[in-house]
C-alpha atoms as a PDB file:
ATOM      1  CA  MET A   1     -13.098  82.035 -25.812  1.00  0.00           C
ATOM      2  CA  PRO A   2     -11.666  78.585 -26.586  1.00  0.00           C
ATOM      3  CA  LEU A   3      -9.788  76.691 -23.892  1.00  0.00           C
ATOM      4  CA  TYR A   4      -7.455  73.716 -24.247  1.00  0.00           C
ATOM      5  CA  ARG A   5      -6.721  70.560 -22.329  1.00  0.00           C
ATOM      6  CA  ALA A   6      -3.967  68.035 -23.024  1.00  0.00           C
ATOM      7  CA  ARG A   7      -3.665  64.409 -22.034  1.00  0.00           C
ATOM      8  CA  LEU A   8      -0.731  62.102 -22.651  1.00  0.00           C
ATOM      9  CA  GLY A   9      -1.344  59.216 -25.008  1.00  0.00           C
ATOM     10  CA  CYS A  10      -3.964  58.238 -27.538  1.00  0.00           C
ATOM     11  CA  GLU A  11      -6.303  55.448 -28.590  1.00  0.00           C
ATOM     12  CA  TYR A  12      -5.814  52.879 -31.357  1.00  0.00           C
ATOM     13  CA  GLU A  13      -8.473  52.389 -33.998  1.00  0.00           C
ATOM     14  CA  PRO A  14      -8.433  49.100 -35.952  1.00  0.00           C
ATOM     15  CA  ILE A  15      -8.223  49.726 -39.698  1.00  0.00           C
ATOM     16  CA  SER A  16      -8.445  47.259 -42.577  1.00  0.00           C
ATOM     17  CA  ASN A  17      -7.226  48.025 -46.080  1.00  0.00           C
ATOM     18  CA  THR A  18      -7.740  45.721 -49.063  1.00  0.00           C
ATOM     19  CA  ASP A  19      -5.540  46.160 -52.153  1.00  0.00           C
ATOM     20  CA  PRO A  20      -6.645  45.431 -55.764  1.00  0.00           C
ATOM     21  CA  ASP A  21      -5.310  41.867 -55.498  1.00  0.00           C
ATOM     22  CA  GLY A  22      -7.624  41.141 -52.581  1.00  0.00           C
ATOM     23  CA  LEU A  23      -4.939  41.202 -49.880  1.00  0.00           C
ATOM     24  CA  THR A  24      -6.306  42.689 -46.671  1.00  0.00           C
ATOM     25  CA  VAL A  25      -3.947  44.415 -44.265  1.00  0.00           C
ATOM     26  CA  LEU A  26      -5.019  45.048 -40.672  1.00  0.00           C
ATOM     27  CA  TYR A  27      -3.352  47.702 -38.542  1.00  0.00           C
ATOM     28  CA  ASP A  28      -4.037  50.090 -35.670  1.00  0.00           C
ATOM     29  CA  ARG A  29      -4.252  53.809 -36.391  1.00  0.00           C
ATOM     30  CA  GLU A  30      -3.413  56.309 -33.653  1.00  0.00           C
ATOM     31  CA  VAL A  31      -6.350  58.616 -32.867  1.00  0.00           C
ATOM     32  CA  PRO A  32      -6.954  61.150 -30.058  1.00  0.00           C
ATOM     33  CA  TRP A  33      -8.664  60.092 -26.862  1.00  0.00           C
ATOM     34  CA  GLN A  34     -12.439  60.121 -27.146  1.00  0.00           C
ATOM     35  CA  GLN A  35     -14.457  63.049 -25.802  1.00  0.00           C
ATOM     36  CA  LYS A  36     -15.261  61.427 -22.449  1.00  0.00           C
ATOM     37  CA  GLU A  37     -11.590  60.547 -21.924  1.00  0.00           C
ATOM     38  CA  MET A  38     -10.506  64.194 -22.160  1.00  0.00           C
ATOM     39  CA  LYS A  39     -12.092  64.981 -18.813  1.00  0.00           C
ATOM     40  CA  PRO A  40     -11.309  63.412 -15.438  1.00  0.00           C
ATOM     41  CA  ILE A  41     -13.839  60.865 -14.239  1.00  0.00           C
ATOM     42  CA  PRO A  42     -16.111  62.116 -11.402  1.00  0.00           C
ATOM     43  CA  ASN A  43     -14.379  60.056  -8.684  1.00  0.00           C
ATOM     44  CA  TRP A  44     -10.878  60.526 -10.107  1.00  0.00           C
ATOM     45  CA  GLN A  45      -8.305  59.768  -7.409  1.00  0.00           C
ATOM     46  CA  GLY A  46      -5.629  62.177  -8.599  1.00  0.00           C
ATOM     47  CA  GLU A  47      -5.166  65.564  -6.967  1.00  0.00           C
ATOM     48  CA  GLY A  48      -4.085  68.954  -8.209  1.00  0.00           C
ATOM     49  CA  ARG A  49      -3.536  72.552  -7.242  1.00  0.00           C
ATOM     50  CA  ALA A  50      -7.248  73.221  -6.822  1.00  0.00           C
ATOM     51  CA  ASN A  51      -8.648  69.813  -5.876  1.00  0.00           C
ATOM     52  CA  PRO A  52      -8.073  67.205  -3.190  1.00  0.00           C
ATOM     53  CA  ARG A  53      -8.030  63.511  -4.021  1.00  0.00           C
ATOM     54  CA  GLY A  54     -11.409  62.189  -5.137  1.00  0.00           C
ATOM     55  CA  ILE A  55     -12.932  65.600  -5.973  1.00  0.00           C
ATOM     56  CA  PRO A  56     -11.593  66.451  -9.450  1.00  0.00           C
ATOM     57  CA  SER A  57     -11.388  69.866 -11.038  1.00  0.00           C
ATOM     58  CA  LEU A  58     -11.148  70.520 -14.766  1.00  0.00           C
ATOM     59  CA  TYR A  59      -7.771  72.078 -15.646  1.00  0.00           C
ATOM     60  CA  VAL A  60      -7.611  73.935 -18.943  1.00  0.00           C
ATOM     61  CA  ALA A  61      -5.297  76.499 -20.554  1.00  0.00           C
ATOM     62  CA  ASN A  62      -5.663  79.507 -22.834  1.00  0.00           C
ATOM     63  CA  THR A  63      -3.408  78.090 -25.597  1.00  0.00           C
ATOM     64  CA  PRO A  64      -2.584  74.611 -26.935  1.00  0.00           C
ATOM     65  CA  ASP A  65       1.126  75.138 -26.198  1.00  0.00           C
ATOM     66  CA  THR A  66       0.390  75.958 -22.559  1.00  0.00           C
ATOM     67  CA  ALA A  67      -1.786  72.872 -22.210  1.00  0.00           C
ATOM     68  CA  LEU A  68       1.028  70.777 -23.704  1.00  0.00           C
ATOM     69  CA  ALA A  69       3.680  72.299 -21.429  1.00  0.00           C
ATOM     70  CA  GLU A  70       1.641  71.742 -18.275  1.00  0.00           C
ATOM     71  CA  ILE A  71       1.644  67.947 -18.682  1.00  0.00           C
ATOM     72  CA  ARG A  72       5.450  67.973 -19.230  1.00  0.00           C
ATOM     73  CA  PRO A  73       5.647  65.416 -22.044  1.00  0.00           C
ATOM     74  CA  TRP A  74       8.832  63.730 -23.217  1.00  0.00           C
ATOM     75  CA  LEU A  75      10.353  63.800 -26.699  1.00  0.00           C
ATOM     76  CA  GLY A  76       8.330  61.688 -29.098  1.00  0.00           C
ATOM     77  CA  ALA A  77       5.323  61.549 -26.790  1.00  0.00           C
ATOM     78  CA  LYS A  78       1.882  61.368 -28.360  1.00  0.00           C
ATOM     79  CA  ILE A  79      -0.527  63.854 -26.802  1.00  0.00           C
ATOM     80  CA  SER A  80      -4.256  64.337 -27.310  1.00  0.00           C
ATOM     81  CA  VAL A  81      -5.209  68.025 -27.191  1.00  0.00           C
ATOM     82  CA  ALA A  82      -8.854  69.036 -26.914  1.00  0.00           C
ATOM     83  CA  ARG A  83     -10.512  72.388 -27.486  1.00  0.00           C
ATOM     84  CA  LEU A  84     -13.259  73.167 -25.025  1.00  0.00           C
ATOM     85  CA  ASP A  85     -15.956  75.825 -24.934  1.00  0.00           C
ATOM     86  CA  LEU A  86     -17.591  77.163 -21.797  1.00  0.00           C
ATOM     87  CA  GLU A  87     -21.206  76.155 -21.294  1.00  0.00           C
ATOM     88  CA  ARG A  88     -22.135  79.443 -19.583  1.00  0.00           C
ATOM     89  CA  ASP A  89     -20.718  82.675 -18.210  1.00  0.00           C
ATOM     90  CA  LEU A  90     -18.588  81.908 -15.164  1.00  0.00           C
ATOM     91  CA  SER A  91     -17.499  83.799 -12.077  1.00  0.00           C
ATOM     92  CA  VAL A  92     -13.801  83.126 -11.477  1.00  0.00           C
ATOM     93  CA  ILE A  93     -11.047  84.474  -9.246  1.00  0.00           C
ATOM     94  CA  ASP A  94      -8.146  85.885 -11.285  1.00  0.00           C
ATOM     95  CA  CYS A  95      -5.034  85.142  -9.242  1.00  0.00           C
ATOM     96  CA  SER A  96      -2.800  86.054 -12.178  1.00  0.00           C
ATOM     97  CA  LYS A  97      -3.411  89.813 -12.073  1.00  0.00           C
ATOM     98  CA  HIS A  98      -0.434  90.434  -9.757  1.00  0.00           C
ATOM     99  CA  HIS A  99       1.920  88.142 -11.664  1.00  0.00           C
ATOM    100  CA  ALA A 100       3.951  90.966 -13.238  1.00  0.00           C
ATOM    101  CA  MET A 101       4.849  92.480  -9.854  1.00  0.00           C
ATOM    102  CA  ASP A 102       8.398  92.459  -8.525  1.00  0.00           C
ATOM    103  CA  SER A 103       9.545  90.128  -5.799  1.00  0.00           C
ATOM    104  CA  PHE A 104       7.524  89.578  -2.644  1.00  0.00           C
ATOM    105  CA  LEU A 105       9.904  91.711  -0.555  1.00  0.00           C
ATOM    106  CA  ASN A 106       9.826  94.593  -3.045  1.00  0.00           C
ATOM    107  CA  ILE A 107       6.053  94.767  -2.704  1.00  0.00           C
ATOM    108  CA  PHE A 108       6.366  95.676   0.965  1.00  0.00           C
ATOM    109  CA  GLU A 109       9.236  98.091   0.320  1.00  0.00           C
ATOM    110  CA  ASP A 110       7.066  99.880  -2.264  1.00  0.00           C
ATOM    111  CA  HIS A 111       4.709 102.040  -0.197  1.00  0.00           C
ATOM    112  CA  THR A 112       2.266 102.308  -3.097  1.00  0.00           C
ATOM    113  CA  LYS A 113       1.490  98.604  -2.613  1.00  0.00           C
ATOM    114  CA  SER A 114      -0.777  97.326   0.134  1.00  0.00           C
ATOM    115  CA  GLU A 115      -0.542  94.263   2.325  1.00  0.00           C
ATOM    116  CA  GLU A 116      -3.427  92.864   0.279  1.00  0.00           C
ATOM    117  CA  ASP A 117      -1.297  93.211  -2.875  1.00  0.00           C
ATOM    118  CA  GLY A 118       1.353  91.092  -1.199  1.00  0.00           C
ATOM    119  CA  ILE A 119      -1.143  88.420  -0.233  1.00  0.00           C
ATOM    120  CA  TRP A 120      -2.495  88.184  -3.773  1.00  0.00           C
ATOM    121  CA  TYR A 121       1.061  88.032  -5.125  1.00  0.00           C
ATOM    122  CA  ALA A 122       1.829  85.100  -2.798  1.00  0.00           C
ATOM    123  CA  ILE A 123      -1.381  83.305  -3.827  1.00  0.00           C
ATOM    124  CA  ASP A 124      -0.539  83.752  -7.509  1.00  0.00           C
ATOM    125  CA  ARG A 125       2.983  82.377  -7.014  1.00  0.00           C
ATOM    126  CA  ALA A 126       1.640  79.399  -5.072  1.00  0.00           C
ATOM    127  CA  PHE A 127      -0.709  78.411  -7.905  1.00  0.00           C
ATOM    128  CA  ALA A 128       1.778  79.178 -10.687  1.00  0.00           C
ATOM    129  CA  LYS A 129       4.834  77.412  -9.253  1.00  0.00           C
ATOM    130  CA  PRO A 130       5.512  74.073 -10.988  1.00  0.00           C
ATOM    131  CA  VAL A 131       5.415  71.121  -8.608  1.00  0.00           C
ATOM    132  CA  SER A 132       7.356  67.905  -9.089  1.00  0.00           C
ATOM    133  CA  LYS A 133       5.535  64.582  -9.205  1.00  0.00           C
ATOM    134  CA  GLU A 134       7.409  63.481  -6.066  1.00  0.00           C
ATOM    135  CA  ASP A 135       6.312  66.499  -4.010  1.00  0.00           C
ATOM    136  CA  GLU A 136       2.885  67.285  -5.446  1.00  0.00           C
ATOM    137  CA  ALA A 137       0.794  65.698  -2.655  1.00  0.00           C
ATOM    138  CA  LYS A 138       2.162  67.890   0.155  1.00  0.00           C
ATOM    139  CA  ASP A 139       2.854  70.993  -1.958  1.00  0.00           C
ATOM    140  CA  TYR A 140      -0.725  71.114  -3.240  1.00  0.00           C
ATOM    141  CA  ILE A 141      -2.275  71.319   0.235  1.00  0.00           C
ATOM    142  CA  PRO A 142      -2.044  75.155   0.640  1.00  0.00           C
ATOM    143  CA  THR A 143      -3.568  75.898  -2.772  1.00  0.00           C
ATOM    144  CA  GLN A 144      -6.240  73.236  -2.257  1.00  0.00           C
ATOM    145  CA  ILE A 145      -7.318  75.001   0.948  1.00  0.00           C
ATOM    146  CA  ILE A 146      -7.446  78.372  -0.835  1.00  0.00           C
ATOM    147  CA  ALA A 147      -9.413  76.851  -3.719  1.00  0.00           C
ATOM    148  CA  GLU A 148     -11.947  75.362  -1.302  1.00  0.00           C
ATOM    149  CA  LEU A 149     -12.427  78.825   0.218  1.00  0.00           C
ATOM    150  CA  PHE A 150     -13.110  80.366  -3.207  1.00  0.00           C
ATOM    151  CA  LYS A 151     -15.442  77.489  -4.057  1.00  0.00           C
ATOM    152  CA  SER A 152     -17.395  77.960  -0.817  1.00  0.00           C
ATOM    153  CA  GLU A 153     -17.888  81.633  -1.762  1.00  0.00           C
ATOM    154  CA  GLY A 154     -19.658  80.597  -4.954  1.00  0.00           C
ATOM    155  CA  TYR A 155     -16.870  81.045  -7.516  1.00  0.00           C
ATOM    156  CA  ASP A 156     -16.685  78.668 -10.469  1.00  0.00           C
ATOM    157  CA  GLY A 157     -12.901  78.494 -10.773  1.00  0.00           C
ATOM    158  CA  ILE A 158      -9.472  80.074 -10.507  1.00  0.00           C
ATOM    159  CA  VAL A 159      -7.244  81.674 -13.159  1.00  0.00           C
ATOM    160  CA  TYR A 160      -3.494  81.514 -12.528  1.00  0.00           C
ATOM    161  CA  LYS A 161      -0.338  82.127 -14.551  1.00  0.00           C
ATOM    162  CA  SER A 162       1.555  79.261 -16.124  1.00  0.00           C
ATOM    163  CA  LEU A 163       5.295  79.475 -15.493  1.00  0.00           C
ATOM    164  CA  LEU A 164       5.847  76.887 -18.227  1.00  0.00           C
ATOM    165  CA  SER A 165       4.644  79.210 -21.005  1.00  0.00           C
ATOM    166  CA  ASP A 166       5.450  82.905 -21.536  1.00  0.00           C
ATOM    167  CA  ASN A 167       1.914  83.869 -22.534  1.00  0.00           C
ATOM    168  CA  GLY A 168       0.132  81.007 -20.862  1.00  0.00           C
ATOM    169  CA  PHE A 169      -2.632  81.063 -18.299  1.00  0.00           C
ATOM    170  CA  ASN A 170      -4.437  78.178 -16.630  1.00  0.00           C
ATOM    171  CA  LEU A 171      -8.008  77.894 -15.436  1.00  0.00           C
ATOM    172  CA  ALA A 172      -9.143  75.377 -12.843  1.00  0.00           C
ATOM    173  CA  LEU A 173     -12.905  74.809 -13.018  1.00  0.00           C
ATOM    174  CA  PHE A 174     -14.600  73.294  -9.980  1.00  0.00           C
ATOM    175  CA  ASN A 175     -17.469  71.812 -12.022  1.00  0.00           C
ATOM    176  CA  LEU A 176     -16.452  69.344 -14.737  1.00  0.00           C
ATOM    177  CA  ASN A 177     -19.584  70.181 -16.717  1.00  0.00           C
ATOM    178  CA  ASN A 178     -18.847  73.901 -17.065  1.00  0.00           C
ATOM    179  CA  ALA A 179     -16.937  73.257 -20.307  1.00  0.00           C
ATOM    180  CA  LYS A 180     -17.538  70.809 -23.137  1.00  0.00           C
ATOM    181  CA  VAL A 181     -15.069  69.159 -25.507  1.00  0.00           C
ATOM    182  CA  CYS A 182     -15.847  70.204 -29.081  1.00  0.00           C
ATOM    183  CA  HIS A 183     -12.677  69.190 -30.953  1.00  0.00           C
ATOM    184  CA  CYS A 184      -9.666  66.970 -30.332  1.00  0.00           C
ATOM    185  CA  GLU A 185      -6.503  66.242 -32.293  1.00  0.00           C
ATOM    186  CA  LEU A 186      -3.293  64.310 -31.850  1.00  0.00           C
ATOM    187  CA  TYR A 187       0.141  65.895 -31.402  1.00  0.00           C
ATOM    188  CA  GLN A 188       3.665  64.516 -31.184  1.00  0.00           C
ATOM    189  CA  LEU A 189       6.341  66.367 -29.225  1.00  0.00           C
ATOM    190  CA  ASP A 190       9.278  67.023 -31.550  1.00  0.00           C
ATOM    191  CA  SER A 191      11.562  69.206 -29.453  1.00  0.00           C
ATOM    192  CA  ILE A 192      12.118  70.666 -25.990  1.00  0.00           C
ATOM    193  CA  LYS A 193      14.061  73.877 -25.475  1.00  0.00           C
ATOM    194  CA  PHE A 194      15.692  74.833 -22.172  1.00  0.00           C
ATOM    195  CA  THR A 195      17.207  78.198 -21.279  1.00  0.00           C
ATOM    196  CA  SER A 196      18.884  79.101 -17.996  1.00  0.00           C
ATOM    197  CA  THR A 197      20.279  82.037 -16.043  1.00  0.00           C
ATOM    198  CA  LYS A 198      22.873  81.939 -13.276  1.00  0.00           C
ATOM    199  CA  THR A 199      21.353  83.006  -9.970  1.00  0.00           C
ATOM    200  CA  GLY A 200      24.647  84.067  -8.386  1.00  0.00           C
ATOM    201  CA  THR A 201      24.540  81.273  -5.807  1.00  0.00           C
ATOM    202  CA  GLU A 202      27.713  79.166  -5.906  1.00  0.00           C
ATOM    203  CA  TYR A 203      30.481  77.650  -3.824  1.00  0.00           C
ATOM    204  CA  PHE A 204      34.084  76.589  -4.331  1.00  0.00           C
ATOM    205  CA  VAL A 205      35.834  73.471  -3.147  1.00  0.00           C
ATOM    206  CA  GLY A 206      39.582  73.439  -2.762  1.00  0.00           C
ATOM    207  CA  CYS A 207      41.141  71.373  -5.538  1.00  0.00           C
END
C-alpha cells in the first residue's frame, strides 16, 4: 500500500533556454525536494509524537491530502509530496481502532466496554490530537513514552487517526529505512476550508 509524506518548500533547478535569435535566458525552476530530503536526517533535532529529540521517526500518511494537512501549510505554500513504499512487512500497533468510540466517559458508562477499551481510546486521542508549535515539546512527552514502550516490545511503528482529515490515518515508523521514496511531486495550496460547531460554552458580560 502506498504511503505519503509532505514537506514544506521545494528546490530550485537552474534552467537555460536559448531562443532562435541566440538569446539565452537563465531562470530557476521549482522542483520537489530530492529523495534524500524527503526523510529526516538520522540525527534530526526535531521531535514528534513518537520520537524524542535526536532520534527521528518517519511520519507518513495514507493519503496525499492527509500528509498535506498534517504539516498545516499556508495559502500559496509550495509543498513537496512523496509517495513511499514499505521495504518489508511490518508489525505495527494500531491505536486508531477505537477512534469511532463515544467520549471517554461514555466508555465507562457502557458496561459492554472494558477498562482496556478506555485506555486504548485515551492512547488514540493522545496521538491523534493536533498539537500547536508552541506547546509541542511538552505535549509530546506522554506519547513519546508510549511509543518507546511499543518500540521496546519489537514493534516497527504506530498507526493513529488524523484529526485533520476525515479519512486520514498516520503511521509513525521507528526505522527510517523501513520505507523508500519512489515518487515525488510539487503541490501548491490553493484553498483552506474551515467549519465550526458551537460547543455550548459561553458567557455574557453586562453591556
